[in-house]
Amino acid sequence: MSDVKRTYEFTGETKEYVGHTLHRIRALTNLIEHGVRSGNIGGWIEREENLEHGSAWIGGDSIVMDNAIVKDHGGIRGSVTVEGNAVIKGNGKVFGTVSISGNAVIDNNAVVYDNAVINGNSEVCDNGLVGGYAVLSNNATVCGNAHVLGNAVITDDAIIEEDATVDGNAVVMSDAVVRGDTVIQNHTRVFISK
């Protein structure tokens, strides 16, 4: 840690959240990619290991706790909750009232927003986009330039990749793979029969 420039400090303000003591942070430097200036107040972390010093940032009323971490150029803002062993890294961005938990990973240039829920061992990577009230659970993957929006549910090892879009109330599950320029929407259910 001694070789890394400290980019934030604790403000001294704390709060209790579901049995965890959280600490508010303040920027010690400008983080232009996150629109943060030195002195800006940030979000809440349980301990320093939740936010890597460097180019990562937690803003707004967002919370990162347990063993979760925001690192690299990752950033969250709004009222996002990141817990468990979840990781936001690369240039991953999360905003809104998103919930990320378990061993979920948001990586590369992925964006998760609105009221999405990402849990289990799910991953959003590359230029994947997940928004609305979408849910990813149980090893779901969204990667490439894929979009998952609306009230869509991706679960049970399903993969959405390339330029595919899943929207509306669609459900993709049970090892199904949606790829190419495919669009799945409305109340469609896609699954592999086992």
Protein backbone atom coordinates (compact mmCIF):
# COMPACT_ATOMS: atom_id res chain seq x y z
CA MET A 1 0.00 0.00 0.00
CA SER A 2 2.93 2.36 0.63
CA ASP A 3 3.78 2.64 -3.10
CA VAL A 4 0.21 3.52 -4.06
CA LYS A 5 -1.00 7.10 -3.83
CA ARG A 6 -3.93 7.35 -1.44
CA THR A 7 -6.95 8.67 -3.31
CA TYR A 8 -9.49 8.79 -0.49
CA GLU A 9 -9.81 8.95 3.28
CA PHE A 10 -12.51 8.27 5.84
CA THR A 11 -14.52 11.36 6.81
CA GLY A 12 -15.17 10.11 10.34
CA GLU A 13 -18.88 9.71 9.59
CA THR A 14 -20.18 6.17 10.19
CA LYS A 15 -23.49 4.37 9.97
CA GLU A 16 -24.82 0.93 10.74
CA TYR A 17 -26.25 -1.13 7.89
CA VAL A 18 -27.57 -4.70 8.42
CA GLY A 19 -25.04 -5.36 11.17
CA HIS A 20 -22.08 -3.71 9.42
CA THR A 21 -20.36 -0.47 10.42
CA LEU A 22 -19.80 1.60 7.28
CA HIS A 23 -17.47 4.56 6.82
CA ARG A 24 -18.08 7.53 4.51
CA ILE A 25 -15.17 8.42 2.18
CA ARG A 26 -13.77 11.71 0.84
CA ALA A 27 -11.63 12.10 -2.31
CA LEU A 28 -8.03 13.22 -1.79
CA THR A 29 -7.44 13.77 -5.49
CA ASN A 30 -9.34 14.49 -8.71
CA LEU A 31 -10.73 11.39 -10.41
CA ILE A 32 -11.77 12.97 -13.70
CA GLU A 33 -13.23 9.81 -15.26
CA HIS A 34 -15.71 9.67 -12.35
CA GLY A 35 -16.38 13.43 -12.26
CA VAL A 36 -14.83 13.62 -8.78
CA ARG A 37 -12.78 16.50 -7.42
CA SER A 38 -10.52 16.46 -4.42
CA GLY A 39 -12.63 17.05 -1.32
CA ASN A 40 -15.83 15.52 -2.76
CA ILE A 41 -17.68 13.25 -0.37
CA GLY A 42 -18.20 9.71 -1.63
CA GLY A 43 -20.14 6.64 -0.62
CA TRP A 44 -19.73 4.10 2.15
CA ILE A 45 -17.30 1.22 2.68
CA GLU A 46 -16.88 -1.24 5.51
CA ARG A 47 -13.08 -1.23 5.32
CA GLU A 48 -10.28 0.03 3.13
CA GLU A 49 -10.06 -3.29 1.25
CA ASN A 50 -13.46 -2.52 -0.31
CA LEU A 51 -12.06 0.30 -2.49
CA GLU A 52 -8.69 0.15 -4.17
CA HIS A 53 -6.66 3.37 -4.04
CA GLY A 54 -5.87 4.62 -7.55
CA SER A 55 -8.61 5.23 -10.12
CA ALA A 56 -11.65 3.46 -8.60
CA TRP A 57 -14.49 5.37 -6.91
CA ILE A 58 -17.66 4.85 -4.89
CA GLY A 59 -20.03 7.80 -5.02
CA GLY A 60 -23.42 8.93 -3.80
CA ASP A 61 -24.97 6.78 -1.09
CA SER A 62 -23.55 3.57 -2.54
CA ILE A 63 -22.34 0.85 -0.16
CA VAL A 64 -19.55 -1.69 -0.57
CA MET A 65 -19.12 -4.21 2.25
CA ASP A 66 -18.10 -7.75 3.21
CA ASN A 67 -15.29 -8.89 0.88
CA ALA A 68 -16.63 -6.98 -2.13
CA ILE A 69 -14.22 -4.64 -3.92
CA VAL A 70 -14.24 -1.83 -6.47
CA LYS A 71 -10.86 -1.60 -8.21
CA ASP A 72 -8.94 -0.62 -11.34
CA HIS A 73 -11.04 2.12 -13.00
CA GLY A 74 -14.34 0.71 -11.72
CA GLY A 75 -16.93 3.10 -10.40
CA ILE A 76 -20.32 3.08 -8.73
CA ARG A 77 -22.70 5.90 -7.89
CA GLY A 78 -26.27 6.41 -6.77
CA SER A 79 -27.61 3.98 -4.18
CA VAL A 80 -25.83 0.83 -5.33
CA THR A 81 -25.18 -2.00 -2.83
CA VAL A 82 -22.22 -4.32 -3.47
CA GLU A 83 -21.67 -7.15 -1.00
CA GLY A 84 -20.43 -10.70 -0.57
CA ASN A 85 -17.38 -11.35 -2.76
CA ALA A 86 -18.58 -9.23 -5.69
CA VAL A 87 -16.00 -7.38 -7.80
CA ILE A 88 -16.34 -4.24 -9.92
CA LYS A 89 -13.17 -3.91 -11.99
CA GLY A 90 -11.67 -2.85 -15.29
CA ASN A 91 -13.80 0.06 -16.47
CA GLY A 92 -16.98 -1.47 -15.06
CA LYS A 93 -19.59 1.13 -14.12
CA VAL A 94 -22.66 0.67 -11.91
CA PHE A 95 -25.26 3.30 -11.08
CA GLY A 96 -28.84 3.67 -9.89
CA THR A 97 -30.22 1.40 -7.16
CA VAL A 98 -28.50 -1.77 -8.37
CA SER A 99 -27.83 -4.72 -6.03
CA ILE A 100 -24.71 -6.84 -6.66
CA SER A 101 -23.87 -9.77 -4.40
CA GLY A 102 -22.42 -13.25 -4.15
CA ASN A 103 -19.41 -13.77 -6.41
CA ALA A 104 -20.72 -11.51 -9.18
CA VAL A 105 -18.19 -9.74 -11.41
CA ILE A 106 -18.65 -6.53 -13.43
CA ASP A 107 -15.62 -6.17 -15.69
CA ASN A 108 -14.06 -4.43 -18.68
CA ASN A 109 -16.46 -1.77 -20.04
CA ALA A 110 -19.65 -3.34 -18.68
CA VAL A 111 -22.44 -1.07 -17.44
CA VAL A 112 -25.16 -2.03 -14.93
CA TYR A 113 -27.83 0.52 -14.07
CA ASP A 114 -31.38 1.33 -12.91
CA ASN A 115 -32.71 -1.37 -10.54
CA ALA A 116 -30.87 -4.41 -11.87
CA VAL A 117 -29.91 -7.30 -9.57
CA ILE A 118 -26.73 -9.31 -10.20
CA ASN A 119 -25.98 -12.22 -7.87
CA GLY A 120 -24.55 -15.70 -7.56
CA ASN A 121 -21.53 -16.28 -9.79
CA SER A 122 -22.94 -14.09 -12.54
CA GLU A 123 -20.77 -11.91 -14.75
CA VAL A 124 -21.28 -8.84 -16.92
CA CYS A 125 -18.20 -8.20 -19.05
CA ASP A 126 -16.79 -6.64 -22.19
CA ASN A 127 -19.37 -4.04 -23.31
CA GLY A 128 -22.31 -5.87 -21.74
CA LEU A 129 -25.21 -3.68 -20.63
CA VAL A 130 -27.75 -4.67 -17.95
CA GLY A 131 -30.49 -2.27 -16.90
CA GLY A 132 -34.10 -1.76 -15.95
CA TYR A 133 -35.28 -4.38 -13.45
CA ALA A 134 -33.26 -7.17 -15.04
CA VAL A 135 -31.99 -10.03 -12.87
CA LEU A 136 -28.88 -12.15 -13.45
CA SER A 137 -28.42 -15.12 -11.12
CA ASN A 138 -26.91 -18.60 -10.80
CA ASN A 139 -23.89 -18.28 -13.13
CA ALA A 140 -25.54 -16.09 -15.77
CA THR A 141 -23.21 -14.28 -18.19
CA VAL A 142 -23.78 -11.18 -20.31
CA CYS A 143 -20.81 -10.29 -22.50
CA GLY A 144 -19.76 -8.86 -25.83
CA ASN A 145 -22.15 -6.06 -26.79
CA ALA A 146 -25.17 -7.88 -25.38
CA HIS A 147 -28.01 -5.99 -23.67
CA VAL A 148 -30.35 -7.29 -20.96
CA LEU A 149 -33.13 -4.82 -20.14
CA GLY A 150 -36.68 -4.46 -18.86
CA ASN A 151 -37.76 -7.20 -16.46
CA ALA A 152 -35.65 -9.89 -18.14
CA VAL A 153 -34.27 -12.76 -16.07
CA ILE A 154 -31.06 -14.57 -17.05
CA THR A 155 -30.31 -17.55 -14.81
CA ASP A 156 -28.95 -21.08 -14.40
CA ASP A 157 -25.77 -20.88 -16.54
CA ALA A 158 -27.44 -19.00 -19.40
CA ILE A 159 -25.19 -16.86 -21.62
CA ILE A 160 -26.16 -13.73 -23.55
CA GLU A 161 -23.35 -12.68 -25.88
CA GLU A 162 -22.23 -10.90 -29.02
CA ASP A 163 -24.92 -8.34 -30.04
CA ALA A 164 -27.93 -10.17 -28.57
CA THR A 165 -30.69 -8.32 -26.71
CA VAL A 166 -33.04 -9.75 -24.08
CA ASP A 167 -35.82 -7.37 -23.04
CA GLY A 168 -39.32 -7.15 -21.61
CA ASN A 169 -40.34 -10.05 -19.37
CA ALA A 170 -38.22 -12.63 -21.20
CA VAL A 171 -36.53 -15.43 -19.25
CA VAL A 172 -33.37 -17.20 -20.48
CA MET A 173 -32.24 -20.14 -18.38
CA SER A 174 -30.84 -23.68 -18.09
CA ASP A 175 -27.61 -23.43 -20.11
CA ALA A 176 -29.27 -21.59 -23.00
CA VAL A 177 -27.01 -19.41 -25.16
CA VAL A 178 -28.35 -16.37 -27.00
CA ARG A 179 -25.92 -14.80 -29.47
CA GLY A 180 -25.51 -12.89 -32.69
CA ASP A 181 -28.10 -10.19 -33.44
CA THR A 182 -30.87 -12.17 -31.74
CA VAL A 183 -33.61 -10.22 -29.95
CA ILE A 184 -35.64 -12.00 -27.25
CA GLN A 185 -38.48 -9.97 -25.76
CA ASN A 186 -41.95 -9.84 -24.27
CA HIS A 187 -42.86 -13.01 -22.32
CA THR A 188 -40.56 -15.40 -24.19
CA ARG A 189 -38.88 -18.24 -22.30
CA VAL A 190 -35.67 -19.77 -23.64
CA PHE A 191 -34.12 -22.82 -22.02
CA ILE A 192 -32.33 -26.08 -22.76
CA SER A 193 -34.43 -29.05 -21.67
CA LYS A 194 -32.49 -31.33 -19.34
